[in-house]
Amino acid sequence: MTSFCLTVSCPTRRGIVAAISTYLAGQGCNITDSSQFDDTATGQFFMRVSFTSEEGLGVVELEDGFATISRTFDMAARFYDEAQKMKVVIMVSRFGHCLNDLLYRWRIGALPIDIVAVISNHMDYQKVVVNHDLPFHYIKVTKDQKADAEARQMAVVRETGAELIVLARYMQVLSDRMCQEMSGRIINIHHSFLPSFKGANPYRQAHERGVKLIGATSHYVTADLDEGPIIEQDTVRVTHAQSADDYVSLGRDVESQVLARAIHAHIHRRVFLNGNKTVLFPASPGSYASERMG
């Protein structure tokens, strides 16, 4: 038995769900999970369907048979074999908490991805990466050769066939060209929940302002710095009795959890771009992503 996933986005109209379910039933498939959303503000419809097949069908056969329905409803539709792990490149600078967290989740199978490379503009985590039997690429970035560095980074992405780039506290601003080429395929973790604390030392800024909640935001990267469509967010409560260092420690934990949840949602095709925001379908009951990952 093979498990598949179908993602659909299209203009909303009557009969979409019926057409999809009828097609899958006709192919001998059994739907195991289904989520849908009709955005009345934009007139767009989004749907994600998990199903199994015992007929020996592959993605190509399913897509070929579905082509007429896709054209009829003007769909952007894709079938995926859920056994195929997404190829991921991780990029990191000098803060290693998110990288270490992702490597641990990957190692124990909690984050089912295929890490094909780790890229860094520093050598700090070379040993950690190599000890996990993963390729490490040191690509220095300076103001004068930033374009050349990005070309080398994209060469790694293309050569490995990576489908997703994860910025695990990578502290360099990506060019508009790279953002456009990888649109919807770069995930960043922003070490702030409140927009008023942008820039350097956001936790110290928060501490000085006496905030009661700090948090993190994971989003897709666009040419607008830290303003891409949001995938996941979370907060943690703090008190006046805690220091700025306490804020940093708690913040790093939240960052790691939020980034991991965002990646998990993306690789399971539960995130749909909807203009400047996202549609995020919940995981099925009992799955890893439905838990608060600690």
C-alpha atoms as a PDB file:
ATOM      1  CA  MET A   1       0.000   0.000   0.000  1.00  0.00           C
ATOM      2  CA  THR A   2       1.360   3.393  -1.037  1.00  0.00           C
ATOM      3  CA  SER A   3       0.486   6.683   0.668  1.00  0.00           C
ATOM      4  CA  PHE A   4       0.053   9.824  -1.397  1.00  0.00           C
ATOM      5  CA  CYS A   5      -0.792  13.469  -0.883  1.00  0.00           C
ATOM      6  CA  LEU A   6      -2.689  15.744  -3.274  1.00  0.00           C
ATOM      7  CA  THR A   7      -2.535  19.532  -2.955  1.00  0.00           C
ATOM      8  CA  VAL A   8      -4.937  21.781  -4.823  1.00  0.00           C
ATOM      9  CA  SER A   9      -5.419  25.529  -5.138  1.00  0.00           C
ATOM     10  CA  CYS A  10      -7.800  27.132  -7.600  1.00  0.00           C
ATOM     11  CA  PRO A  11     -10.611  29.672  -7.990  1.00  0.00           C
ATOM     12  CA  THR A  12     -13.532  28.585  -5.865  1.00  0.00           C
ATOM     13  CA  ARG A  13     -16.569  27.060  -7.554  1.00  0.00           C
ATOM     14  CA  ARG A  14     -19.129  24.342  -7.012  1.00  0.00           C
ATOM     15  CA  GLY A  15     -18.120  20.699  -7.493  1.00  0.00           C
ATOM     16  CA  ILE A  16     -14.393  20.735  -6.699  1.00  0.00           C
ATOM     17  CA  VAL A  17     -14.509  18.353  -3.730  1.00  0.00           C
ATOM     18  CA  ALA A  18     -16.910  16.013  -5.529  1.00  0.00           C
ATOM     19  CA  ALA A  19     -14.656  15.859  -8.583  1.00  0.00           C
ATOM     20  CA  ILE A  20     -11.576  15.080  -6.512  1.00  0.00           C
ATOM     21  CA  SER A  21     -13.198  12.410  -4.336  1.00  0.00           C
ATOM     22  CA  THR A  22     -14.883  10.780  -7.340  1.00  0.00           C
ATOM     23  CA  TYR A  23     -11.589  10.609  -9.212  1.00  0.00           C
ATOM     24  CA  LEU A  24      -9.702   9.063  -6.302  1.00  0.00           C
ATOM     25  CA  ALA A  25     -12.454   6.509  -5.673  1.00  0.00           C
ATOM     26  CA  GLY A  26     -12.391   5.597  -9.358  1.00  0.00           C
ATOM     27  CA  GLN A  27      -8.651   4.928  -9.094  1.00  0.00           C
ATOM     28  CA  GLY A  28      -9.186   2.528  -6.211  1.00  0.00           C
ATOM     29  CA  CYS A  29      -7.804   4.975  -3.653  1.00  0.00           C
ATOM     30  CA  ASN A  30      -8.926   5.443  -0.059  1.00  0.00           C
ATOM     31  CA  ILE A  31      -8.937   8.945   1.460  1.00  0.00           C
ATOM     32  CA  THR A  32      -7.402   8.938   4.941  1.00  0.00           C
ATOM     33  CA  ASP A  33      -7.337  12.669   5.704  1.00  0.00           C
ATOM     34  CA  SER A  34      -8.742  15.769   4.034  1.00  0.00           C
ATOM     35  CA  SER A  35      -8.622  19.515   4.744  1.00  0.00           C
ATOM     36  CA  GLN A  36     -10.059  22.372   2.737  1.00  0.00           C
ATOM     37  CA  PHE A  37     -10.500  26.137   2.949  1.00  0.00           C
ATOM     38  CA  ASP A  38     -12.559  28.499   0.842  1.00  0.00           C
ATOM     39  CA  ASP A  39     -11.223  32.058   1.138  1.00  0.00           C
ATOM     40  CA  THR A  40     -14.266  34.210   0.458  1.00  0.00           C
ATOM     41  CA  ALA A  41     -12.132  37.375   0.498  1.00  0.00           C
ATOM     42  CA  THR A  42      -9.940  36.293  -2.421  1.00  0.00           C
ATOM     43  CA  GLY A  43     -12.182  33.741  -4.095  1.00  0.00           C
ATOM     44  CA  GLN A  44      -9.491  31.069  -3.798  1.00  0.00           C
ATOM     45  CA  PHE A  45      -9.993  27.454  -2.753  1.00  0.00           C
ATOM     46  CA  PHE A  46      -7.320  25.304  -1.079  1.00  0.00           C
ATOM     47  CA  MET A  47      -7.369  21.573  -0.372  1.00  0.00           C
ATOM     48  CA  ARG A  48      -5.002  18.893   0.874  1.00  0.00           C
ATOM     49  CA  VAL A  49      -5.912  15.203   0.652  1.00  0.00           C
ATOM     50  CA  SER A  50      -4.008  12.201   2.010  1.00  0.00           C
ATOM     51  CA  PHE A  51      -4.931   8.844   0.504  1.00  0.00           C
ATOM     52  CA  THR A  52      -3.662   5.319   0.007  1.00  0.00           C
ATOM     53  CA  SER A  53      -3.614   3.066  -3.022  1.00  0.00           C
ATOM     54  CA  GLU A  54      -3.215  -0.662  -3.474  1.00  0.00           C
ATOM     55  CA  GLU A  55      -3.373  -0.468  -7.267  1.00  0.00           C
ATOM     56  CA  GLY A  56       0.358   0.070  -7.852  1.00  0.00           C
ATOM     57  CA  LEU A  57      -0.221   3.565  -9.189  1.00  0.00           C
ATOM     58  CA  GLY A  58       2.540   6.156  -9.234  1.00  0.00           C
ATOM     59  CA  VAL A  59       2.538   9.940  -9.128  1.00  0.00           C
ATOM     60  CA  VAL A  60       2.811  10.234 -12.916  1.00  0.00           C
ATOM     61  CA  GLU A  61      -0.193   7.983 -13.537  1.00  0.00           C
ATOM     62  CA  LEU A  62      -2.278   9.838 -10.958  1.00  0.00           C
ATOM     63  CA  GLU A  63      -1.381  13.233 -12.424  1.00  0.00           C
ATOM     64  CA  ASP A  64      -2.053  12.116 -15.998  1.00  0.00           C
ATOM     65  CA  GLY A  65      -5.492  10.831 -15.068  1.00  0.00           C
ATOM     66  CA  PHE A  66      -6.261  13.987 -13.115  1.00  0.00           C
ATOM     67  CA  ALA A  67      -5.247  16.384 -15.902  1.00  0.00           C
ATOM     68  CA  THR A  68      -8.772  16.868 -17.283  1.00  0.00           C
ATOM     69  CA  ILE A  69     -10.168  17.765 -13.863  1.00  0.00           C
ATOM     70  CA  SER A  70      -7.250  20.104 -13.220  1.00  0.00           C
ATOM     71  CA  ARG A  71      -7.902  21.978 -16.480  1.00  0.00           C
ATOM     72  CA  THR A  72     -11.648  22.132 -15.874  1.00  0.00           C
ATOM     73  CA  PHE A  73     -11.251  23.861 -12.527  1.00  0.00           C
ATOM     74  CA  ASP A  74      -8.091  25.830 -13.431  1.00  0.00           C
ATOM     75  CA  MET A  75      -6.205  24.080 -10.628  1.00  0.00           C
ATOM     76  CA  ALA A  76      -2.629  24.195  -9.469  1.00  0.00           C
ATOM     77  CA  ALA A  77      -2.573  20.537  -8.422  1.00  0.00           C
ATOM     78  CA  ARG A  78       0.284  18.238  -7.419  1.00  0.00           C
ATOM     79  CA  PHE A  79       0.484  14.614  -6.302  1.00  0.00           C
ATOM     80  CA  TYR A  80       3.259  13.497  -3.942  1.00  0.00           C
ATOM     81  CA  ASP A  81       4.492  10.107  -2.791  1.00  0.00           C
ATOM     82  CA  GLU A  82       4.623  10.531   0.990  1.00  0.00           C
ATOM     83  CA  ALA A  83       7.514   8.053   1.250  1.00  0.00           C
ATOM     84  CA  GLN A  84       9.781  10.483  -0.616  1.00  0.00           C
ATOM     85  CA  LYS A  85      11.617  12.738   1.830  1.00  0.00           C
ATOM     86  CA  MET A  86      12.130  16.359   0.834  1.00  0.00           C
ATOM     87  CA  LYS A  87      15.731  17.363   0.139  1.00  0.00           C
ATOM     88  CA  VAL A  88      16.774  20.255   2.376  1.00  0.00           C
ATOM     89  CA  VAL A  89      19.773  22.598   2.569  1.00  0.00           C
ATOM     90  CA  ILE A  90      20.336  24.236   5.969  1.00  0.00           C
ATOM     91  CA  MET A  91      22.165  27.559   6.207  1.00  0.00           C
ATOM     92  CA  VAL A  92      23.609  28.798   9.498  1.00  0.00           C
ATOM     93  CA  SER A  93      25.980  31.476  10.817  1.00  0.00           C
ATOM     94  CA  ARG A  94      27.257  31.614  14.418  1.00  0.00           C
ATOM     95  CA  PHE A  95      24.123  30.856  16.462  1.00  0.00           C
ATOM     96  CA  GLY A  96      23.817  27.073  16.505  1.00  0.00           C
ATOM     97  CA  HIS A  97      20.748  26.333  18.625  1.00  0.00           C
ATOM     98  CA  CYS A  98      18.354  25.912  15.686  1.00  0.00           C
ATOM     99  CA  LEU A  99      20.865  23.854  13.690  1.00  0.00           C
ATOM    100  CA  ASN A 100      21.540  21.526  16.619  1.00  0.00           C
ATOM    101  CA  ASP A 101      17.824  21.148  17.280  1.00  0.00           C
ATOM    102  CA  LEU A 102      17.101  20.282  13.638  1.00  0.00           C
ATOM    103  CA  LEU A 103      19.959  17.786  13.502  1.00  0.00           C
ATOM    104  CA  TYR A 104      18.652  16.057  16.626  1.00  0.00           C
ATOM    105  CA  ARG A 105      15.073  15.871  15.325  1.00  0.00           C
ATOM    106  CA  TRP A 106      16.364  14.610  11.982  1.00  0.00           C
ATOM    107  CA  ARG A 107      18.563  11.978  13.652  1.00  0.00           C
ATOM    108  CA  ILE A 108      15.730  10.501  15.742  1.00  0.00           C
ATOM    109  CA  GLY A 109      13.294  10.550  12.826  1.00  0.00           C
ATOM    110  CA  ALA A 110      11.014  13.248  14.254  1.00  0.00           C
ATOM    111  CA  LEU A 111      11.733  15.488  11.270  1.00  0.00           C
ATOM    112  CA  PRO A 112      11.625  13.256   8.169  1.00  0.00           C
ATOM    113  CA  ILE A 113      13.775  15.213   5.739  1.00  0.00           C
ATOM    114  CA  ASP A 114      16.837  14.459   3.630  1.00  0.00           C
ATOM    115  CA  ILE A 115      19.503  16.976   4.662  1.00  0.00           C
ATOM    116  CA  VAL A 116      21.697  17.187   1.554  1.00  0.00           C
ATOM    117  CA  ALA A 117      24.016  19.985   2.726  1.00  0.00           C
ATOM    118  CA  VAL A 118      24.751  22.525   5.440  1.00  0.00           C
ATOM    119  CA  ILE A 119      26.112  25.881   4.271  1.00  0.00           C
ATOM    120  CA  SER A 120      27.739  28.418   6.573  1.00  0.00           C
ATOM    121  CA  ASN A 121      29.644  31.671   6.277  1.00  0.00           C
ATOM    122  CA  HIS A 122      31.685  30.602   9.341  1.00  0.00           C
ATOM    123  CA  MET A 123      33.537  27.432  10.358  1.00  0.00           C
ATOM    124  CA  ASP A 124      32.009  27.162  13.842  1.00  0.00           C
ATOM    125  CA  TYR A 125      29.772  24.149  13.117  1.00  0.00           C
ATOM    126  CA  GLN A 126      31.854  22.236  10.608  1.00  0.00           C
ATOM    127  CA  LYS A 127      32.757  19.499  13.104  1.00  0.00           C
ATOM    128  CA  VAL A 128      29.164  19.149  14.310  1.00  0.00           C
ATOM    129  CA  VAL A 129      27.899  18.741  10.753  1.00  0.00           C
ATOM    130  CA  VAL A 130      30.648  16.387   9.606  1.00  0.00           C
ATOM    131  CA  ASN A 131      30.115  14.228  12.709  1.00  0.00           C
ATOM    132  CA  HIS A 132      26.562  13.715  11.462  1.00  0.00           C
ATOM    133  CA  ASP A 133      28.000  12.464   8.139  1.00  0.00           C
ATOM    134  CA  LEU A 134      26.557  15.453   6.304  1.00  0.00           C
ATOM    135  CA  PRO A 135      28.284  17.645   3.680  1.00  0.00           C
ATOM    136  CA  PHE A 136      29.475  20.983   5.053  1.00  0.00           C
ATOM    137  CA  HIS A 137      30.110  23.929   2.724  1.00  0.00           C
ATOM    138  CA  TYR A 138      32.014  26.947   4.012  1.00  0.00           C
ATOM    139  CA  ILE A 139      31.146  29.913   1.815  1.00  0.00           C
ATOM    140  CA  LYS A 140      32.529  33.173   3.082  1.00  0.00           C
ATOM    141  CA  VAL A 141      30.360  36.238   2.506  1.00  0.00           C
ATOM    142  CA  THR A 142      31.729  39.762   2.257  1.00  0.00           C
ATOM    143  CA  LYS A 143      30.186  42.921   0.928  1.00  0.00           C
ATOM    144  CA  ASP A 144      32.390  42.877  -2.160  1.00  0.00           C
ATOM    145  CA  GLN A 145      31.752  39.267  -3.154  1.00  0.00           C
ATOM    146  CA  LYS A 146      28.211  38.673  -1.937  1.00  0.00           C
ATOM    147  CA  ALA A 147      26.922  37.923  -5.445  1.00  0.00           C
ATOM    148  CA  ASP A 148      29.653  35.326  -5.988  1.00  0.00           C
ATOM    149  CA  ALA A 149      28.883  33.732  -2.605  1.00  0.00           C
ATOM    150  CA  GLU A 150      25.186  33.448  -3.461  1.00  0.00           C
ATOM    151  CA  ALA A 151      26.053  31.911  -6.825  1.00  0.00           C
ATOM    152  CA  ARG A 152      28.079  29.247  -5.008  1.00  0.00           C
ATOM    153  CA  GLN A 153      25.229  28.673  -2.554  1.00  0.00           C
ATOM    154  CA  MET A 154      22.729  28.236  -5.370  1.00  0.00           C
ATOM    155  CA  ALA A 155      25.143  25.877  -7.113  1.00  0.00           C
ATOM    156  CA  VAL A 156      24.986  23.638  -4.037  1.00  0.00           C
ATOM    157  CA  VAL A 157      21.181  23.833  -4.059  1.00  0.00           C
ATOM    158  CA  ARG A 158      20.970  22.871  -7.729  1.00  0.00           C
ATOM    159  CA  GLU A 159      23.604  20.127  -7.574  1.00  0.00           C
ATOM    160  CA  THR A 160      21.927  18.454  -4.591  1.00  0.00           C
ATOM    161  CA  GLY A 161      18.413  18.837  -5.991  1.00  0.00           C
ATOM    162  CA  ALA A 162      17.326  20.599  -2.798  1.00  0.00           C
ATOM    163  CA  GLU A 163      13.672  21.585  -2.694  1.00  0.00           C
ATOM    164  CA  LEU A 164      13.895  23.727   0.439  1.00  0.00           C
ATOM    165  CA  ILE A 165      16.401  26.085   2.055  1.00  0.00           C
ATOM    166  CA  VAL A 166      16.186  26.549   5.817  1.00  0.00           C
ATOM    167  CA  LEU A 167      17.804  29.622   7.342  1.00  0.00           C
ATOM    168  CA  ALA A 168      18.653  28.334  10.825  1.00  0.00           C
ATOM    169  CA  ARG A 169      19.748  31.746  12.127  1.00  0.00           C
ATOM    170  CA  TYR A 170      21.710  32.533   8.964  1.00  0.00           C
ATOM    171  CA  MET A 171      22.624  36.169   9.542  1.00  0.00           C
ATOM    172  CA  GLN A 172      23.004  37.397   5.977  1.00  0.00           C
ATOM    173  CA  VAL A 173      20.345  39.156   3.918  1.00  0.00           C
ATOM    174  CA  LEU A 174      19.550  37.245   0.727  1.00  0.00           C
ATOM    175  CA  SER A 175      19.389  39.086  -2.581  1.00  0.00           C
ATOM    176  CA  ASP A 176      16.103  39.763  -4.372  1.00  0.00           C
ATOM    177  CA  ARG A 177      17.231  37.435  -7.139  1.00  0.00           C
ATOM    178  CA  MET A 178      17.763  34.488  -4.798  1.00  0.00           C
ATOM    179  CA  CYS A 179      14.457  35.162  -3.022  1.00  0.00           C
ATOM    180  CA  GLN A 180      12.593  35.198  -6.326  1.00  0.00           C
ATOM    181  CA  GLU A 181      14.273  32.074  -7.682  1.00  0.00           C
ATOM    182  CA  MET A 182      13.437  30.145  -4.498  1.00  0.00           C
ATOM    183  CA  SER A 183      10.070  31.792  -3.830  1.00  0.00           C
ATOM    184  CA  GLY A 184       8.051  29.721  -1.378  1.00  0.00           C
ATOM    185  CA  ARG A 185      11.045  27.448  -0.803  1.00  0.00           C
ATOM    186  CA  ILE A 186      13.098  29.377   1.781  1.00  0.00           C
ATOM    187  CA  ILE A 187      12.037  29.292   5.439  1.00  0.00           C
ATOM    188  CA  ASN A 188      13.512  31.668   8.007  1.00  0.00           C
ATOM    189  CA  ILE A 189      13.212  31.975  11.773  1.00  0.00           C
ATOM    190  CA  HIS A 190      12.857  35.536  13.017  1.00  0.00           C
ATOM    191  CA  HIS A 191      13.994  35.982  16.613  1.00  0.00           C
ATOM    192  CA  SER A 192      11.123  38.256  17.540  1.00  0.00           C
ATOM    193  CA  PHE A 193       7.365  38.062  17.893  1.00  0.00           C
ATOM    194  CA  LEU A 194       6.723  41.771  18.289  1.00  0.00           C
ATOM    195  CA  PRO A 195       7.589  43.967  15.270  1.00  0.00           C
ATOM    196  CA  SER A 196       8.782  46.754  17.606  1.00  0.00           C
ATOM    197  CA  PHE A 197      11.870  44.709  18.511  1.00  0.00           C
ATOM    198  CA  LYS A 198      13.619  44.378  15.173  1.00  0.00           C
ATOM    199  CA  GLY A 199      17.344  44.526  14.596  1.00  0.00           C
ATOM    200  CA  ALA A 200      20.131  43.689  17.027  1.00  0.00           C
ATOM    201  CA  ASN A 201      19.508  42.255  20.508  1.00  0.00           C
ATOM    202  CA  PRO A 202      15.701  42.010  20.340  1.00  0.00           C
ATOM    203  CA  TYR A 203      15.550  40.147  23.669  1.00  0.00           C
ATOM    204  CA  ARG A 204      17.539  42.873  25.411  1.00  0.00           C
ATOM    205  CA  GLN A 205      15.196  45.443  23.880  1.00  0.00           C
ATOM    206  CA  ALA A 206      12.241  43.434  25.161  1.00  0.00           C
ATOM    207  CA  HIS A 207      13.796  43.179  28.611  1.00  0.00           C
ATOM    208  CA  GLU A 208      14.373  46.914  28.768  1.00  0.00           C
ATOM    209  CA  ARG A 209      10.751  47.536  27.828  1.00  0.00           C
ATOM    210  CA  GLY A 210       9.457  45.109  30.458  1.00  0.00           C
ATOM    211  CA  VAL A 211       7.438  42.934  28.105  1.00  0.00           C
ATOM    212  CA  LYS A 212       5.541  39.937  29.467  1.00  0.00           C
ATOM    213  CA  LEU A 213       5.644  37.798  26.320  1.00  0.00           C
ATOM    214  CA  ILE A 214       8.512  37.036  23.961  1.00  0.00           C
ATOM    215  CA  GLY A 215       8.391  34.778  20.974  1.00  0.00           C
ATOM    216  CA  ALA A 216       9.493  33.852  17.478  1.00  0.00           C
ATOM    217  CA  THR A 217       8.107  33.839  13.954  1.00  0.00           C
ATOM    218  CA  SER A 218       8.918  31.458  11.105  1.00  0.00           C
ATOM    219  CA  HIS A 219       8.097  32.699   7.629  1.00  0.00           C
ATOM    220  CA  TYR A 220       8.850  32.316   3.956  1.00  0.00           C
ATOM    221  CA  VAL A 221      11.618  34.601   2.748  1.00  0.00           C
ATOM    222  CA  THR A 222      10.797  37.375   0.308  1.00  0.00           C
ATOM    223  CA  ALA A 223      12.632  40.437  -0.949  1.00  0.00           C
ATOM    224  CA  ASP A 224      10.992  42.399   1.902  1.00  0.00           C
ATOM    225  CA  LEU A 225      13.212  41.690   4.908  1.00  0.00           C
ATOM    226  CA  ASP A 226      11.443  39.674   7.644  1.00  0.00           C
ATOM    227  CA  GLU A 227       8.036  40.382   6.116  1.00  0.00           C
ATOM    228  CA  GLY A 228       7.358  37.174   4.177  1.00  0.00           C
ATOM    229  CA  PRO A 229       4.186  35.079   4.627  1.00  0.00           C
ATOM    230  CA  ILE A 230       4.057  33.724   8.180  1.00  0.00           C
ATOM    231  CA  ILE A 231       3.976  29.959   8.702  1.00  0.00           C
ATOM    232  CA  GLU A 232       4.284  29.495  12.468  1.00  0.00           C
ATOM    233  CA  GLN A 233       4.561  31.595  15.637  1.00  0.00           C
ATOM    234  CA  ASP A 234       4.744  31.025  19.359  1.00  0.00           C
ATOM    235  CA  THR A 235       5.372  32.906  22.586  1.00  0.00           C
ATOM    236  CA  VAL A 236       6.609  32.268  26.110  1.00  0.00           C
ATOM    237  CA  ARG A 237       5.688  34.255  29.211  1.00  0.00           C
ATOM    238  CA  VAL A 238       8.424  36.098  31.095  1.00  0.00           C
ATOM    239  CA  THR A 239       8.481  38.124  34.308  1.00  0.00           C
ATOM    240  CA  HIS A 240      10.228  41.122  35.802  1.00  0.00           C
ATOM    241  CA  ALA A 241      12.392  38.786  37.887  1.00  0.00           C
ATOM    242  CA  GLN A 242      14.145  37.337  34.850  1.00  0.00           C
ATOM    243  CA  SER A 243      17.290  38.748  33.297  1.00  0.00           C
ATOM    244  CA  ALA A 244      18.059  39.600  29.693  1.00  0.00           C
ATOM    245  CA  ASP A 245      20.099  36.377  29.537  1.00  0.00           C
ATOM    246  CA  ASP A 246      17.021  34.453  30.679  1.00  0.00           C
ATOM    247  CA  TYR A 247      15.096  36.046  27.822  1.00  0.00           C
ATOM    248  CA  VAL A 248      17.767  34.916  25.367  1.00  0.00           C
ATOM    249  CA  SER A 249      17.689  31.338  26.682  1.00  0.00           C
ATOM    250  CA  LEU A 250      13.906  31.117  26.564  1.00  0.00           C
ATOM    251  CA  GLY A 251      13.861  32.808  23.175  1.00  0.00           C
ATOM    252  CA  ARG A 252      16.249  30.279  21.685  1.00  0.00           C
ATOM    253  CA  ASP A 253      14.004  27.434  22.824  1.00  0.00           C
ATOM    254  CA  VAL A 254      10.987  29.066  21.189  1.00  0.00           C
ATOM    255  CA  GLU A 255      12.914  29.762  17.995  1.00  0.00           C
ATOM    256  CA  SER A 256      13.957  26.118  17.697  1.00  0.00           C
ATOM    257  CA  GLN A 257      10.436  24.823  18.256  1.00  0.00           C
ATOM    258  CA  VAL A 258       8.773  27.290  15.902  1.00  0.00           C
ATOM    259  CA  LEU A 259      11.262  26.648  13.097  1.00  0.00           C
ATOM    260  CA  ALA A 260      10.905  22.871  13.431  1.00  0.00           C
ATOM    261  CA  ARG A 261       7.101  23.109  13.331  1.00  0.00           C
ATOM    262  CA  ALA A 262       7.218  25.330  10.251  1.00  0.00           C
ATOM    263  CA  ILE A 263       9.515  22.909   8.431  1.00  0.00           C
ATOM    264  CA  HIS A 264       7.355  19.960   9.434  1.00  0.00           C
ATOM    265  CA  ALA A 265       4.263  21.667   8.050  1.00  0.00           C
ATOM    266  CA  HIS A 266       6.025  22.582   4.800  1.00  0.00           C
ATOM    267  CA  ILE A 267       7.475  19.134   4.071  1.00  0.00           C
ATOM    268  CA  HIS A 268       4.054  17.570   4.606  1.00  0.00           C
ATOM    269  CA  ARG A 269       2.515  20.020   2.121  1.00  0.00           C
ATOM    270  CA  ARG A 270       0.234  21.603   4.706  1.00  0.00           C
ATOM    271  CA  VAL A 271       1.209  25.203   3.885  1.00  0.00           C
ATOM    272  CA  PHE A 272      -0.330  27.088   0.964  1.00  0.00           C
ATOM    273  CA  LEU A 273       0.684  30.567  -0.133  1.00  0.00           C
ATOM    274  CA  ASN A 274      -2.318  32.877  -0.241  1.00  0.00           C
ATOM    275  CA  GLY A 275      -1.085  36.299  -1.313  1.00  0.00           C
ATOM    276  CA  ASN A 276       0.880  37.859   1.553  1.00  0.00           C
ATOM    277  CA  LYS A 277      -0.202  35.191   4.023  1.00  0.00           C
ATOM    278  CA  THR A 278      -0.520  31.436   4.243  1.00  0.00           C
ATOM    279  CA  VAL A 279      -3.186  28.807   4.666  1.00  0.00           C
ATOM    280  CA  LEU A 280      -1.904  26.257   7.191  1.00  0.00           C
ATOM    281  CA  PHE A 281      -3.866  23.024   7.481  1.00  0.00           C
ATOM    282  CA  PRO A 282      -3.600  21.201  10.818  1.00  0.00           C
ATOM    283  CA  ALA A 283      -1.923  17.831  11.059  1.00  0.00           C
ATOM    284  CA  SER A 284      -4.097  14.774  11.463  1.00  0.00           C
ATOM    285  CA  PRO A 285      -4.785  13.736  15.095  1.00  0.00           C
ATOM    286  CA  GLY A 286      -1.944  11.858  16.740  1.00  0.00           C
ATOM    287  CA  SER A 287       0.724  13.002  14.312  1.00  0.00           C
ATOM    288  CA  TYR A 288       4.043  14.548  15.364  1.00  0.00           C
ATOM    289  CA  ALA A 289       3.137  18.042  14.250  1.00  0.00           C
ATOM    290  CA  SER A 290      -0.055  18.141  16.310  1.00  0.00           C
ATOM    291  CA  GLU A 291       2.042  18.053  19.477  1.00  0.00           C
ATOM    292  CA  ARG A 292       3.948  20.966  20.983  1.00  0.00           C
ATOM    293  CA  MET A 293       7.465  19.883  20.187  1.00  0.00           C
ATOM    294  CA  GLY A 294       9.798  20.276  23.117  1.00  0.00           C
END
